[in-house]
Protein backbone atom coordinates (compact mmCIF):
# COMPACT_ATOMS: atom_id res chain seq x y z
CA MET A 1 49.76 118.51 90.79
CA HIS A 2 50.01 117.28 87.22
CA PRO A 3 48.29 114.02 86.30
CA MET A 4 50.54 111.08 86.99
CA GLN A 5 51.62 108.43 84.53
CA MET A 6 53.23 105.10 85.38
CA PRO A 7 56.85 104.42 84.32
CA HIS A 8 58.45 101.01 84.17
CA ALA A 9 58.60 98.76 87.23
CA VAL A 10 61.26 99.36 89.80
CA SER A 11 63.01 96.31 91.23
CA GLY A 12 60.18 94.00 90.33
CA GLY A 13 57.51 95.93 92.27
CA PRO A 14 54.55 98.08 91.17
CA ARG A 15 55.27 100.94 88.82
CA PRO A 16 56.02 104.37 90.35
CA PRO A 17 54.34 107.60 89.20
CA MET A 18 55.69 109.66 86.31
CA LEU A 19 57.19 112.67 88.00
CA GLU A 20 58.21 116.12 86.83
CA ILE A 21 61.29 117.20 88.76
CA SER A 22 63.28 120.36 88.34
CA GLU A 23 67.01 120.22 87.86
CA SER A 24 67.53 122.78 90.59
CA GLN A 25 65.66 120.76 93.17
CA SER A 26 67.51 117.66 92.07
CA ALA A 27 70.84 119.35 92.65
CA SER A 28 69.72 120.60 96.04
CA SER A 29 68.57 117.19 97.11
CA SER A 30 71.78 115.56 95.97
CA ALA A 31 73.96 118.08 97.71
CA SER A 32 72.22 117.66 101.04
CA SER A 33 71.96 113.87 100.90
CA PRO A 34 74.50 111.85 102.91
CA GLU A 35 77.50 110.56 101.00
CA GLN A 36 77.58 106.89 100.18
CA VAL A 37 79.24 104.87 102.90
CA ALA A 38 82.69 103.65 101.88
CA TYR A 39 82.95 99.98 101.02
CA ASP A 40 83.10 97.97 104.21
CA ASP A 41 85.82 95.37 103.89
CA THR A 42 84.12 93.00 106.33
CA ASP A 43 81.24 91.86 104.16
CA PHE A 44 82.85 90.52 101.00
CA PHE A 45 82.55 86.75 100.54
CA GLN A 46 80.16 86.66 103.48
CA LEU A 47 77.11 87.64 101.56
CA GLN A 48 73.89 87.70 103.49
CA ARG A 49 70.94 85.55 102.51
CA ASN A 50 69.07 88.62 101.27
CA ASP A 51 71.92 89.91 99.14
CA SER A 52 69.76 89.78 96.02
CA GLN A 53 66.98 91.82 97.61
CA SER A 54 66.50 95.53 97.21
CA SER A 55 68.92 97.73 99.08
CA ILE A 56 68.09 99.47 102.31
CA GLY A 57 71.35 101.41 102.46
CA ALA A 58 71.43 105.23 102.49
CA LEU A 59 72.99 106.56 99.31
CA SER A 60 73.27 109.92 97.55
CA LEU A 61 71.19 110.97 94.55
CA ARG A 62 74.10 112.55 92.70
CA ASP A 63 74.02 112.34 88.91
CA ILE A 64 70.43 111.06 88.65
CA THR A 65 68.87 112.19 85.34
CA MET A 66 65.48 113.88 85.82
CA SER A 67 63.01 115.69 83.61
CA PRO A 68 63.47 119.43 83.25
CA PRO A 69 60.04 121.07 83.79
CA SER A 70 59.67 123.23 86.90
CA GLU A 71 57.72 121.98 89.89
CA ARG A 72 54.60 123.95 90.84
CA ASP A 73 54.39 125.73 94.16
CA TYR A 74 52.26 123.99 96.71
CA ARG A 75 51.54 124.24 100.40
CA LEU A 76 54.05 122.29 102.48
CA THR A 77 52.81 119.85 105.09
CA PRO A 78 54.97 119.43 108.23
CA ILE A 79 56.55 116.21 106.93
CA SER A 80 57.30 117.89 103.61
CA ARG A 81 59.53 120.35 105.45
CA LEU A 82 61.94 117.59 106.45
CA PRO A 83 65.32 117.97 104.74
CA PRO A 84 66.32 115.21 102.29
CA GLU A 85 68.92 113.68 104.61
CA LEU A 86 66.28 113.06 107.29
CA LEU A 87 63.84 111.61 104.79
CA ILE A 88 66.51 109.24 103.50
CA GLY A 89 67.32 108.27 107.09
CA VAL A 90 63.67 107.36 107.63
CA PHE A 91 63.42 105.45 104.35
CA THR A 92 66.44 103.33 105.19
CA LYS A 93 64.51 101.89 108.15
CA LEU A 94 61.81 100.44 105.92
CA GLY A 95 61.88 96.69 105.72
CA SER A 96 60.67 95.91 102.21
CA SER A 97 60.90 97.12 98.64
CA GLN A 98 57.11 97.44 98.53
CA ASP A 99 57.24 100.02 101.34
CA LEU A 100 59.79 102.01 99.36
CA MET A 101 57.56 101.77 96.29
CA ASN A 102 54.70 103.25 98.28
CA CYS A 103 56.94 106.10 99.39
CA MET A 104 57.72 106.89 95.76
CA LEU A 105 53.99 107.38 95.14
CA VAL A 106 53.52 109.99 97.88
CA SER A 107 55.15 113.03 96.28
CA LYS A 108 57.90 114.16 94.00
CA LYS A 109 60.19 114.92 96.90
CA TRP A 110 59.67 111.50 98.45
CA SER A 111 60.22 109.85 95.11
CA ARG A 112 63.54 111.64 94.59
CA ASN A 113 64.79 110.50 97.98
CA SER A 114 63.65 106.88 97.84
CA VAL A 115 64.29 105.78 94.26
CA ASP A 116 68.00 105.14 94.70
CA LEU A 117 67.38 103.13 97.87
CA LEU A 118 65.04 100.91 95.90
CA TRP A 119 67.38 100.48 92.95
CA HIS A 120 70.63 100.20 94.88
CA ARG A 121 70.21 96.40 94.91
CA PRO A 122 67.47 95.37 92.44
CA LEU A 123 65.59 92.20 93.24
CA CYS A 124 66.56 89.51 90.71
CA ASN A 125 65.67 86.31 92.52
CA THR A 126 63.09 85.14 89.96
CA TRP A 127 62.98 85.31 86.19
CA ASN A 128 59.92 87.60 86.26
CA HIS A 129 61.69 90.04 88.56
CA LEU A 130 64.74 89.98 86.32
CA GLU A 131 62.64 90.71 83.24
CA SER A 132 60.98 93.64 84.99
CA VAL A 133 64.33 95.09 86.04
CA VAL A 134 65.77 94.67 82.55
CA ALA A 135 62.72 96.36 80.99
CA SER A 136 63.04 99.37 83.28
CA ILE A 137 66.77 99.75 82.67
CA GLY A 138 66.30 99.54 78.91
CA ASN A 139 63.38 101.97 78.65
CA PRO A 140 64.69 105.24 77.15
CA LYS A 141 61.58 107.14 78.34
CA SER A 142 62.13 106.45 82.05
CA TYR A 143 62.21 109.56 84.22
CA TYR A 144 65.11 108.09 86.19
CA THR A 145 68.27 106.67 84.69
CA TYR A 146 67.97 103.41 86.58
CA SER A 147 71.22 101.99 85.22
CA GLU A 148 73.10 104.64 87.18
CA LEU A 149 71.43 103.64 90.45
CA VAL A 150 72.37 99.94 90.49
CA LYS A 151 75.29 99.39 92.89
CA ARG A 152 74.87 95.69 93.71
CA LEU A 153 73.84 93.00 91.27
CA ASN A 154 73.31 89.39 92.35
CA LEU A 155 72.18 86.82 89.78
CA SER A 156 73.16 83.72 91.75
CA SER A 157 69.51 82.80 92.36
CA LEU A 158 69.07 82.14 88.64
CA ILE A 159 72.11 79.98 87.98
CA ALA A 160 70.26 77.68 85.57
CA GLU A 161 68.94 80.52 83.38
CA VAL A 162 71.63 83.21 83.33
CA SER A 163 73.73 83.27 80.16
CA ASP A 164 75.77 85.77 78.18
CA GLY A 165 72.60 87.06 76.54
CA THR A 166 70.94 87.59 79.91
CA VAL A 167 73.58 89.98 81.20
CA GLU A 168 73.75 92.11 78.05
CA ALA A 169 71.00 94.33 79.45
CA PHE A 170 73.26 95.29 82.37
CA GLN A 171 76.12 96.56 80.20
CA SER A 172 74.91 100.12 80.81
CA CYS A 173 75.22 99.69 84.61
CA LYS A 174 78.70 101.12 85.04
CA ARG A 175 78.41 102.00 88.73
CA ILE A 176 78.10 98.48 90.10
CA GLU A 177 80.23 98.00 93.20
CA ARG A 178 79.48 94.37 93.98
CA LEU A 179 78.82 91.81 91.26
CA THR A 180 77.81 88.28 92.27
CA LEU A 181 77.53 85.61 89.58
CA THR A 182 78.16 82.56 91.74
CA GLY A 183 77.41 79.29 89.96
CA CYS A 184 76.13 80.84 86.71
CA ARG A 185 77.91 78.18 84.66
CA LYS A 186 76.37 79.21 81.34
CA LEU A 187 78.32 82.45 81.48
CA THR A 188 81.50 82.62 79.45
CA ASP A 189 84.32 85.14 79.10
CA GLN A 190 82.12 87.22 76.82
CA GLY A 191 79.39 87.69 79.44
CA VAL A 192 81.78 88.53 82.26
CA MET A 193 83.77 90.94 80.08
CA SER A 194 80.61 92.78 79.02
CA LEU A 195 79.78 93.45 82.67
CA VAL A 196 83.23 94.57 83.85
CA GLU A 197 84.13 96.68 80.80
CA GLY A 198 84.10 100.28 81.99
CA SER A 199 83.12 99.35 85.56
CA ARG A 200 85.59 101.57 87.37
CA SER A 201 83.60 101.40 90.61
CA LEU A 202 83.67 97.61 90.99
CA LEU A 203 84.90 96.62 94.46
CA ALA A 204 83.90 92.98 94.75
CA LEU A 205 83.55 90.30 92.06
CA ASP A 206 82.36 86.75 92.70
CA ILE A 207 82.49 84.43 89.69
CA SER A 208 83.03 81.24 91.67
CA GLY A 209 81.93 78.08 89.89
CA LEU A 210 82.25 79.54 86.38
CA ASP A 211 84.49 76.80 85.03
CA SER A 212 84.40 78.17 81.47
CA VAL A 213 85.99 81.49 82.46
CA THR A 214 89.59 81.90 81.30
CA ASP A 215 92.40 84.45 81.43
CA HIS A 216 90.55 86.66 78.92
CA ALA A 217 87.91 87.63 81.51
CA LEU A 218 90.47 88.18 84.27
CA ARG A 219 92.59 90.40 82.01
CA ALA A 220 89.48 92.53 81.41
CA VAL A 221 89.03 92.82 85.18
CA ALA A 222 92.65 93.92 85.53
CA ARG A 223 92.21 96.60 82.84
CA ASN A 224 88.98 98.08 84.13
CA CYS A 225 88.64 97.48 87.87
CA GLY A 226 91.55 99.21 89.54
CA ARG A 227 89.58 99.70 92.77
CA LEU A 228 88.82 96.00 93.17
CA GLN A 229 89.07 94.82 96.79
CA GLY A 230 87.67 91.31 96.66
CA LEU A 231 87.85 88.55 94.04
CA ASN A 232 86.40 85.05 94.30
CA ILE A 233 87.33 82.73 91.42
CA THR A 234 86.80 79.44 93.24
CA GLU A 235 86.74 76.50 90.79
CA CYS A 236 87.70 78.67 87.81
CA SER A 237 90.12 75.94 86.88
CA ARG A 238 91.18 77.44 83.54
CA VAL A 239 92.63 80.60 85.02
CA THR A 240 96.44 80.76 85.05
CA ASP A 241 99.24 82.93 86.40
CA GLU A 242 99.21 85.09 83.26
CA SER A 243 96.00 86.97 84.13
CA LEU A 244 96.36 86.79 87.91
CA VAL A 245 99.79 88.42 87.90
CA ALA A 246 98.41 91.24 85.74
CA LEU A 247 95.47 91.59 88.09
CA ALA A 248 97.72 91.75 91.17
CA MET A 249 99.76 94.51 89.55
CA SER A 250 96.68 96.53 88.52
CA CYS A 251 94.41 96.00 91.53
CA ARG A 252 96.67 97.06 94.35
CA TYR A 253 93.80 97.60 96.79
CA LEU A 254 92.95 93.90 96.76
CA LYS A 255 92.06 92.66 100.25
CA ARG A 256 90.36 89.33 99.72
CA LEU A 257 91.30 86.65 97.23
CA LYS A 258 89.80 83.17 96.88
CA LEU A 259 91.66 80.79 94.58
CA ASN A 260 90.10 77.52 95.75
CA ASN A 261 90.67 74.70 93.29
CA CYS A 262 92.46 76.94 90.80
CA THR A 263 94.85 74.12 90.14
CA LEU A 264 96.98 75.99 87.56
CA VAL A 265 98.03 78.70 90.02
CA THR A 266 101.72 78.62 90.97
CA ASP A 267 104.19 80.57 93.08
CA GLU A 268 104.26 83.32 90.45
CA THR A 269 100.73 84.47 91.30
CA ILE A 270 101.20 84.30 95.07
CA THR A 271 104.48 86.21 94.92
CA ALA A 272 102.88 88.90 92.74
CA VAL A 273 100.04 89.26 95.25
CA ALA A 274 102.52 89.48 98.13
CA ASN A 275 104.58 92.19 96.41
CA ASN A 276 101.75 94.31 94.98
CA CYS A 277 98.79 94.01 97.38
CA PRO A 278 99.95 95.29 100.79
CA SER A 279 96.40 95.52 102.16
CA MET A 280 95.64 91.80 101.76
CA LEU A 281 93.45 90.52 104.61
CA GLU A 282 92.26 87.10 103.49
CA ILE A 283 93.56 84.61 100.96
CA ASP A 284 92.30 81.10 100.29
CA LEU A 285 94.59 78.66 98.47
CA HIS A 286 92.58 75.49 98.98
CA ASN A 287 93.89 72.74 96.72
CA CYS A 288 96.40 74.99 94.93
CA ARG A 289 98.76 72.05 94.71
CA LEU A 290 101.50 73.82 92.75
CA VAL A 291 102.18 76.42 95.44
CA THR A 292 105.45 75.85 97.31
CA ASP A 293 107.30 77.05 100.40
CA GLN A 294 108.86 80.07 98.73
CA ALA A 295 105.51 81.65 97.84
CA ILE A 296 104.06 81.12 101.32
CA THR A 297 107.15 82.63 102.94
CA SER A 298 106.86 85.71 100.70
CA LEU A 299 103.13 86.03 101.38
CA LEU A 300 103.58 85.93 105.16
CA ALA A 301 106.63 88.18 105.16
CA CYS A 302 104.75 90.89 103.23
CA GLY A 303 101.30 90.28 104.71
CA ARG A 304 101.52 92.27 107.90
CA HIS A 305 97.75 92.86 107.85
CA LEU A 306 96.79 89.30 106.94
CA ARG A 307 93.88 87.97 109.02
CA GLU A 308 93.02 84.67 107.33
CA LEU A 309 95.21 82.23 105.44
CA ARG A 310 93.82 78.92 104.21
CA MET A 311 96.19 76.43 102.61
CA ASN A 312 94.16 73.23 102.67
CA HIS A 313 95.86 70.43 100.76
CA CYS A 314 98.80 72.48 99.51
CA LYS A 315 100.83 69.30 99.39
CA LEU A 316 104.15 70.92 98.49
CA VAL A 317 104.24 73.18 101.54
CA SER A 318 106.69 72.00 104.21
CA ASP A 319 108.36 73.29 107.37
CA ARG A 320 110.60 75.63 105.32
CA ALA A 321 107.63 77.87 104.48
CA PHE A 322 107.60 78.95 108.12
CA LEU A 323 111.13 78.31 109.32
CA ASP A 324 112.50 80.64 106.60
CA LEU A 325 110.39 83.60 107.72
CA PRO A 326 112.50 86.70 108.46
CA LYS A 327 113.22 87.70 112.02
CA PRO A 328 111.70 89.52 113.73
CA LEU A 329 108.24 89.02 112.23
CA ASN A 330 105.05 89.46 114.22
CA LEU A 331 101.76 88.65 112.49
CA GLU A 332 99.57 90.21 115.16
CA SER A 333 96.54 90.37 112.87
CA LEU A 334 96.49 86.71 111.83
CA ARG A 335 93.43 85.06 113.36
CA ILE A 336 92.65 82.06 111.14
CA LEU A 337 95.19 79.58 109.76
CA ASP A 338 94.08 76.41 107.99
CA LEU A 339 96.80 73.88 107.13
CA THR A 340 94.59 70.86 106.52
CA GLY A 341 96.42 68.11 104.69
CA CYS A 342 99.84 69.81 104.71
CA GLU A 343 101.42 66.49 105.53
CA GLN A 344 105.04 67.68 105.44
CA LEU A 345 104.62 69.88 108.52
CA HIS A 346 106.34 68.89 111.77
CA ASP A 347 106.46 70.18 115.32
CA GLU A 348 109.17 72.76 114.51
CA ALA A 349 106.92 74.49 111.99
CA VAL A 350 104.03 74.67 114.46
CA GLU A 351 106.31 76.20 117.09
CA LYS A 352 107.42 78.86 114.59
CA ILE A 353 103.81 79.58 113.62
CA ILE A 354 102.79 80.17 117.23
CA ASP A 355 105.78 82.44 117.89
CA THR A 356 105.02 84.48 114.77
CA ALA A 357 101.22 84.65 115.15
CA PRO A 358 100.56 84.79 118.90
CA ARG A 359 96.92 85.84 118.56
CA LEU A 360 95.62 83.00 116.42
CA ARG A 361 91.99 82.19 117.17
CA ASN A 362 91.29 79.36 114.71
CA LEU A 363 94.00 76.81 114.01
CA VAL A 364 93.38 73.81 111.74
CA LEU A 365 96.05 71.11 111.57
CA ALA A 366 93.82 68.26 110.43
CA LYS A 367 95.73 65.44 108.70
CA CYS A 368 99.11 66.92 109.62
CA LYS A 369 100.06 63.42 110.69
CA GLU A 370 103.65 64.13 111.72
CA ILE A 371 102.88 66.49 114.60
CA THR A 372 103.10 65.22 118.18
CA ASP A 373 102.46 66.41 121.73
CA ARG A 374 105.32 68.86 121.28
CA ALA A 375 103.29 70.84 118.75
CA VAL A 376 100.28 70.92 121.07
CA PHE A 377 102.45 72.17 123.93
CA ALA A 378 103.45 75.06 121.63
CA ILE A 379 99.80 75.73 120.78
CA THR A 380 99.00 76.16 124.47
CA LYS A 381 100.93 79.47 124.32
CA LEU A 382 97.92 80.93 122.52
CA GLY A 383 96.09 80.76 125.84
CA LYS A 384 92.69 82.41 125.88
CA ASN A 385 93.03 83.59 122.28
CA LEU A 386 92.37 80.06 121.02
CA HIS A 387 88.71 79.31 120.27
CA TYR A 388 88.84 76.71 117.50
CA ILE A 389 91.34 73.85 117.22
CA HIS A 390 91.19 70.99 114.73
CA LEU A 391 93.67 68.15 115.24
CA GLY A 392 91.80 65.41 113.40
CA HIS A 393 93.96 62.51 112.17
CA CYS A 394 96.93 63.68 114.26
CA GLY A 395 97.27 60.18 115.64
CA ARG A 396 100.45 60.79 117.66
CA ILE A 397 98.75 63.11 120.15
CA THR A 398 98.22 61.70 123.66
CA ASP A 399 96.29 62.52 126.80
CA ASP A 400 99.23 64.56 128.12
CA ALA A 401 98.87 67.08 125.31
CA VAL A 402 95.11 67.41 125.81
CA LYS A 403 95.61 67.92 129.54
CA GLU A 404 97.95 70.85 128.93
CA LEU A 405 95.67 72.28 126.24
CA VAL A 406 92.67 72.32 128.58
CA LYS A 407 94.76 73.87 131.35
CA CYS A 408 96.03 76.79 129.24
CA CYS A 409 93.29 77.39 126.65
CA ASN A 410 90.01 77.43 128.54
CA ARG A 411 88.10 79.49 125.99
CA ILE A 412 88.02 76.71 123.42
CA ARG A 413 84.59 76.41 121.84
CA TYR A 414 85.32 73.87 119.12
CA ILE A 415 87.75 70.99 119.21
CA ASP A 416 88.08 68.10 116.80
CA LEU A 417 90.22 65.09 117.69
CA ALA A 418 88.86 62.63 115.14
CA CYS A 419 91.05 59.57 114.64
CA CYS A 420 93.38 60.51 117.51
CA THR A 421 93.32 56.88 118.56
CA ALA A 422 95.76 57.25 121.46
CA LEU A 423 93.26 59.33 123.45
CA THR A 424 91.24 57.84 126.31
CA ASP A 425 88.44 58.82 128.66
CA THR A 426 90.95 60.95 130.54
CA SER A 427 91.14 63.45 127.66
CA VAL A 428 87.39 63.71 127.15
CA THR A 429 86.78 64.07 130.88
CA LEU A 430 89.15 67.05 130.92
CA LEU A 431 87.66 68.58 127.77
CA ALA A 432 84.20 68.33 129.34
CA GLY A 433 85.33 70.91 131.87
CA LEU A 434 85.80 73.63 129.23
CA PRO A 435 83.12 76.18 130.16
CA LYS A 436 82.59 77.45 126.60
CA LEU A 437 82.67 74.16 124.71
CA ARG A 438 80.02 74.02 122.00
CA ARG A 439 81.27 71.33 119.62
CA ILE A 440 83.48 68.30 119.99
CA GLY A 441 84.60 65.73 117.44
CA LEU A 442 85.75 62.30 118.63
CA VAL A 443 85.16 60.17 115.53
CA LYS A 444 87.05 56.84 115.68
CA CYS A 445 88.46 57.51 119.15
CA ASN A 446 87.90 53.84 119.90
CA ASP A 447 89.03 53.85 123.52
CA ILE A 448 86.42 56.23 124.88
CA THR A 449 83.50 54.80 126.82
CA ASP A 450 80.35 55.93 128.57
CA ARG A 451 82.56 57.57 131.18
CA SER A 452 83.44 60.22 128.59
CA ILE A 453 79.82 60.71 127.62
CA LEU A 454 78.72 61.13 131.23
CA ALA A 455 81.46 63.70 131.70
CA LEU A 456 80.17 65.69 128.73
CA ALA A 457 76.66 65.47 130.16
CA LYS A 458 77.68 66.46 133.68
CA THR A 459 76.20 69.73 134.96
CA ARG A 460 78.54 72.41 136.26
CA PRO A 461 78.13 75.52 138.42
CA GLY A 462 76.71 78.59 136.68
CA ARG A 463 78.88 81.65 136.26
CA GLN A 464 76.88 84.04 138.41
CA SER A 465 75.17 81.69 140.82
CA LYS A 466 75.53 78.37 142.57
CA LEU A 467 72.79 76.87 140.45
CA GLN A 468 73.81 74.01 138.20
CA ALA A 469 74.10 74.94 134.52
CA LEU A 470 73.21 72.51 131.76
CA SER A 471 75.76 71.72 129.08
CA LEU A 472 76.19 74.19 126.20
CA LEU A 473 77.12 71.48 123.70
CA GLU A 474 75.52 71.91 120.27
CA ARG A 475 77.26 69.32 118.09
CA VAL A 476 78.83 66.04 119.20
CA HIS A 477 80.50 63.62 116.79
CA LEU A 478 80.95 60.08 118.15
CA SER A 479 80.90 57.96 115.01
CA TYR A 480 82.77 54.66 115.30
CA CYS A 481 83.22 55.04 119.06
CA THR A 482 82.13 51.44 119.29
CA ARG A 483 82.19 51.07 123.10
CA LEU A 484 79.36 53.54 123.70
CA THR A 485 75.96 52.39 124.96
CA LEU A 486 72.42 53.68 124.75
CA GLN A 487 72.40 54.66 128.44
CA GLY A 488 75.30 57.07 128.08
CA ILE A 489 73.86 58.76 124.99
CA HIS A 490 70.47 59.05 126.69
CA ALA A 491 72.11 60.95 129.56
CA LEU A 492 73.89 63.20 127.07
CA LEU A 493 70.64 64.03 125.30
CA ASN A 494 68.89 64.98 128.52
CA GLN A 495 71.71 67.18 129.80
CA CYS A 496 72.36 68.98 126.50
CA PRO A 497 69.18 70.90 125.59
CA LYS A 498 71.00 72.89 122.89
CA LEU A 499 72.20 69.81 121.04
CA THR A 500 71.38 70.02 117.32
CA HIS A 501 73.72 67.39 115.87
CA LEU A 502 74.68 63.95 117.14
CA SER A 503 76.58 61.53 114.92
CA LEU A 504 76.70 57.86 115.94
CA THR A 505 77.56 56.15 112.67
CA GLY A 506 79.06 52.71 113.29
CA VAL A 507 77.86 52.56 116.91
CA SER A 508 76.01 49.25 117.07
CA ALA A 509 73.85 50.28 120.00
CA PHE A 510 72.11 52.63 117.54
CA TYR A 511 72.46 51.69 113.89
CA LEU A 512 71.20 48.13 114.55
CA ARG A 513 67.94 49.40 116.05
CA GLU A 514 65.31 50.44 113.56
CA ASP A 515 63.22 52.17 116.22
CA LEU A 516 66.13 54.59 116.78
CA THR A 517 67.32 55.02 113.20
CA ASN A 518 63.81 56.20 112.31
CA PHE A 519 64.90 59.57 113.68
CA CYS A 520 68.09 59.74 111.59
CA ARG A 521 68.47 61.84 108.52
CA ALA A 522 68.95 60.10 105.19
CA ALA A 523 72.42 58.95 104.16
CA PRO A 524 74.05 60.83 101.26
CA GLU A 525 73.35 59.30 97.87
CA GLU A 526 77.01 58.67 97.06
CA PHE A 527 77.48 56.34 100.03
CA THR A 528 78.10 52.64 99.48
CA ASP A 529 75.68 50.01 100.76
CA HIS A 530 77.90 49.34 103.77
CA GLN A 531 78.10 53.03 104.64
CA ARG A 532 74.34 53.31 104.38
CA ASN A 533 73.82 50.32 106.65
CA VAL A 534 75.89 51.81 109.49
CA PHE A 535 74.92 55.45 108.90
CA CYS A 536 73.38 57.05 111.99
CA VAL A 537 73.32 60.84 112.23
CA PHE A 538 70.69 62.80 114.13
CA SER A 539 70.33 66.49 113.35
CA GLY A 540 67.86 69.29 113.92
CA GLU A 541 64.43 68.03 114.89
CA GLY A 542 65.71 64.45 114.75
CA VAL A 543 67.68 65.07 117.95
CA ASN A 544 64.57 66.31 119.76
CA ARG A 545 62.50 63.39 118.54
CA LEU A 546 65.12 60.89 119.67
CA ARG A 547 65.26 62.51 123.10
CA SER A 548 61.48 62.43 123.44
CA TYR A 549 61.32 58.80 122.36
CA LEU A 550 63.94 57.68 124.89
CA ASN A 551 62.20 59.60 127.67
CA GLU A 552 58.78 58.09 126.99
CA ASP A 553 59.57 54.68 128.51
CA PRO A 554 63.28 54.27 129.30
CA THR A 555 62.75 50.98 131.18
CA GLY A 556 61.30 49.39 128.07
CA ILE A 557 64.01 50.65 125.73
CA TYR A 558 67.11 49.24 127.41
CA ASP A 559 68.20 47.13 130.32
CA THR A 560 68.38 49.48 133.32
CA GLU A 561 70.68 47.09 135.20
CA SER A 562 73.54 47.68 132.78
CA THR A 563 76.68 48.98 134.42
CA MET A 564 77.21 52.74 134.30
CA TYR A 565 80.54 54.42 134.96
CA ASP A 566 80.95 56.33 138.20
CA ASP A 567 81.35 60.00 137.37
CA ARG A 568 82.02 61.30 140.87
CA GLY A 569 85.62 62.08 140.06
CA LEU A 570 85.00 64.08 136.90
CA VAL A 571 86.70 67.43 136.55
CA ASP A 572 84.57 70.55 136.57
CA GLY A 573 85.50 73.31 134.17
CA ASP A 574 87.07 76.54 135.18
CA ASN A 575 84.48 79.25 134.68
CA ASP A 576 85.82 81.79 132.29
CA HIS A 577 85.33 85.28 131.06
CA GLN A 578 83.91 86.81 127.91
CA VAL A 579 84.16 85.04 124.60
CA ALA A 580 85.02 87.02 121.51
CA SER A 581 83.06 86.40 118.35
CA LEU A 582 84.10 83.30 116.41
CA ARG A 583 83.83 82.88 112.66
CA ILE A 584 83.44 79.19 111.94
CA ASN A 585 82.27 77.28 108.95
CA ASP A 586 79.46 75.33 110.66
CA ASP A 587 79.54 72.60 108.03
CA ASP A 588 83.21 71.73 108.53
CA ASP A 589 83.15 69.15 111.28
CA GLY A 590 86.17 67.13 110.33
CA GLU A 591 84.25 63.96 109.60
CA ASP A 592 84.79 63.81 105.89
CA ASP A 593 86.76 60.59 106.05
CA PRO A 594 85.33 58.55 103.16
CA ASP A 595 85.83 55.38 105.16
CA ALA A 596 83.92 56.65 108.13
CA GLY A 597 80.63 56.97 106.30
CA ASP A 598 79.35 59.48 108.83
CA GLY A 599 78.46 62.08 106.27
CA SER A 600 78.49 65.07 108.58
CA ASP A 601 79.91 67.29 105.86
CA ASP A 602 77.91 65.86 103.02
CA GLY A 603 74.66 66.31 104.85
CA ALA A 604 75.34 69.69 106.36
CA GLN A 605 72.79 71.41 104.16
CA ALA A 606 70.12 68.93 105.19
CA GLU A 607 70.57 69.99 108.79
CA GLY A 608 69.23 73.46 108.10
């Protein structure tokens, strides 16, 4: 073996050996290596926490530049006889970039088959790592052309440092498939354009939070990224229809589009997407206040594969968006529909939605204040497909609607009825019988009492035995349910071992007692003095500490002679079958009413 020299660092780790690799062996290795897996359309916009870490995916070594000298003959050990595809399969099981680095130091063959795994997703989570990666990419004497190996680049961990100058070093990386620049607010059109220019392989681009980006950058994306499948431009408030229409016409494989808070977007963009992007799966129009009925009708009529549609606070959308849909139209794929704050919707529109999308799993109608029991009766047709229902601020809903909902949709795992002030203990008692219920929101349901809480705490028969099963509840929101007492909440805590969030803001039995509020999390900074005074939210370890405190000496904490409601007549839930996977935003609990002061949304990150 020739003496080894050390080239530049790979992905922020130790430096690999300088290797002499023949072109013939390189070609053989590349030919026998497995092809790169096609882009999976399920992972865009749902980036994992380790997205910035080095890749562990199996990729080919095609087109890697290597030095020309021939490799000397040497005696093969048994492991050296393994073909490249098996070696790569083994290397993909390694759990860290350091392990891959060590593999590169073993032999030339191992180095050839591990280098692209290491560089597929270079580690750029610290400034030192970024500098090391940049130095390696820019070194003309490197034995590997590292710029050709980078397929995923995530700079979102360095949002305060990344600028146009920072990304210049990556201009030579023309094979990037996923580019994540979330929150890098120092970046301008120039920086984004330098990265996408010539990037024909780009499949997913996330520039959310870059409020200085304009149509110039998006036009560059349209010119260069014809294979683009996912685009997230959340809060890019300067982007207009001009560039988005061009992008829709050029990027016809687009599947996921997030336009949250792009307030200049109008029907022109949505219609262009509907007409040119037949593979669209998910589109988010949160706070696109200029979008009207006509665009939504076109989007649904052409979106036969659509799985998620979010239209939060699209104020101009009315019943006509759905009532004007062509017949027959069956949106079998639609699973998630969010119509929060679409205040012009009525029962007729909800009925049409259910008839058109009979397999909806998540339905959000929060603040659709005109809907009544009639709409809920239509929703019951979803049956066991329904897992998530949000009816917060739908104040015209009564116990009759909830009764029918529980009867027909017994796979519900999340229900929010905040500010449905017509509801009583009868509704909560029925909801307590749902066998899969994990989360319930009852903020400002002023008529509920300890009878409801005891129903939620009541044990029920297990599915496969006669043993009593404890409640599965994980999050319970009871803020401003002013008739609740300490005794009822104590019972709930003891019967719900999985409870991780309990909001009791405005409940005097709690917020007036300093010994109990000691276990609360801190109120959000933007709250007023009054909101801070009544704030009472227990989350994470605070729930466990509150439970332990109440169990230490219950007789000394409250008057044990207080009247408790008789729960002998409570309804047990109907034990159900399997539950399909549910995609829920865990931080969206429907308690973002600024007057409530509960802060469940604002403090979601503090919960962990």
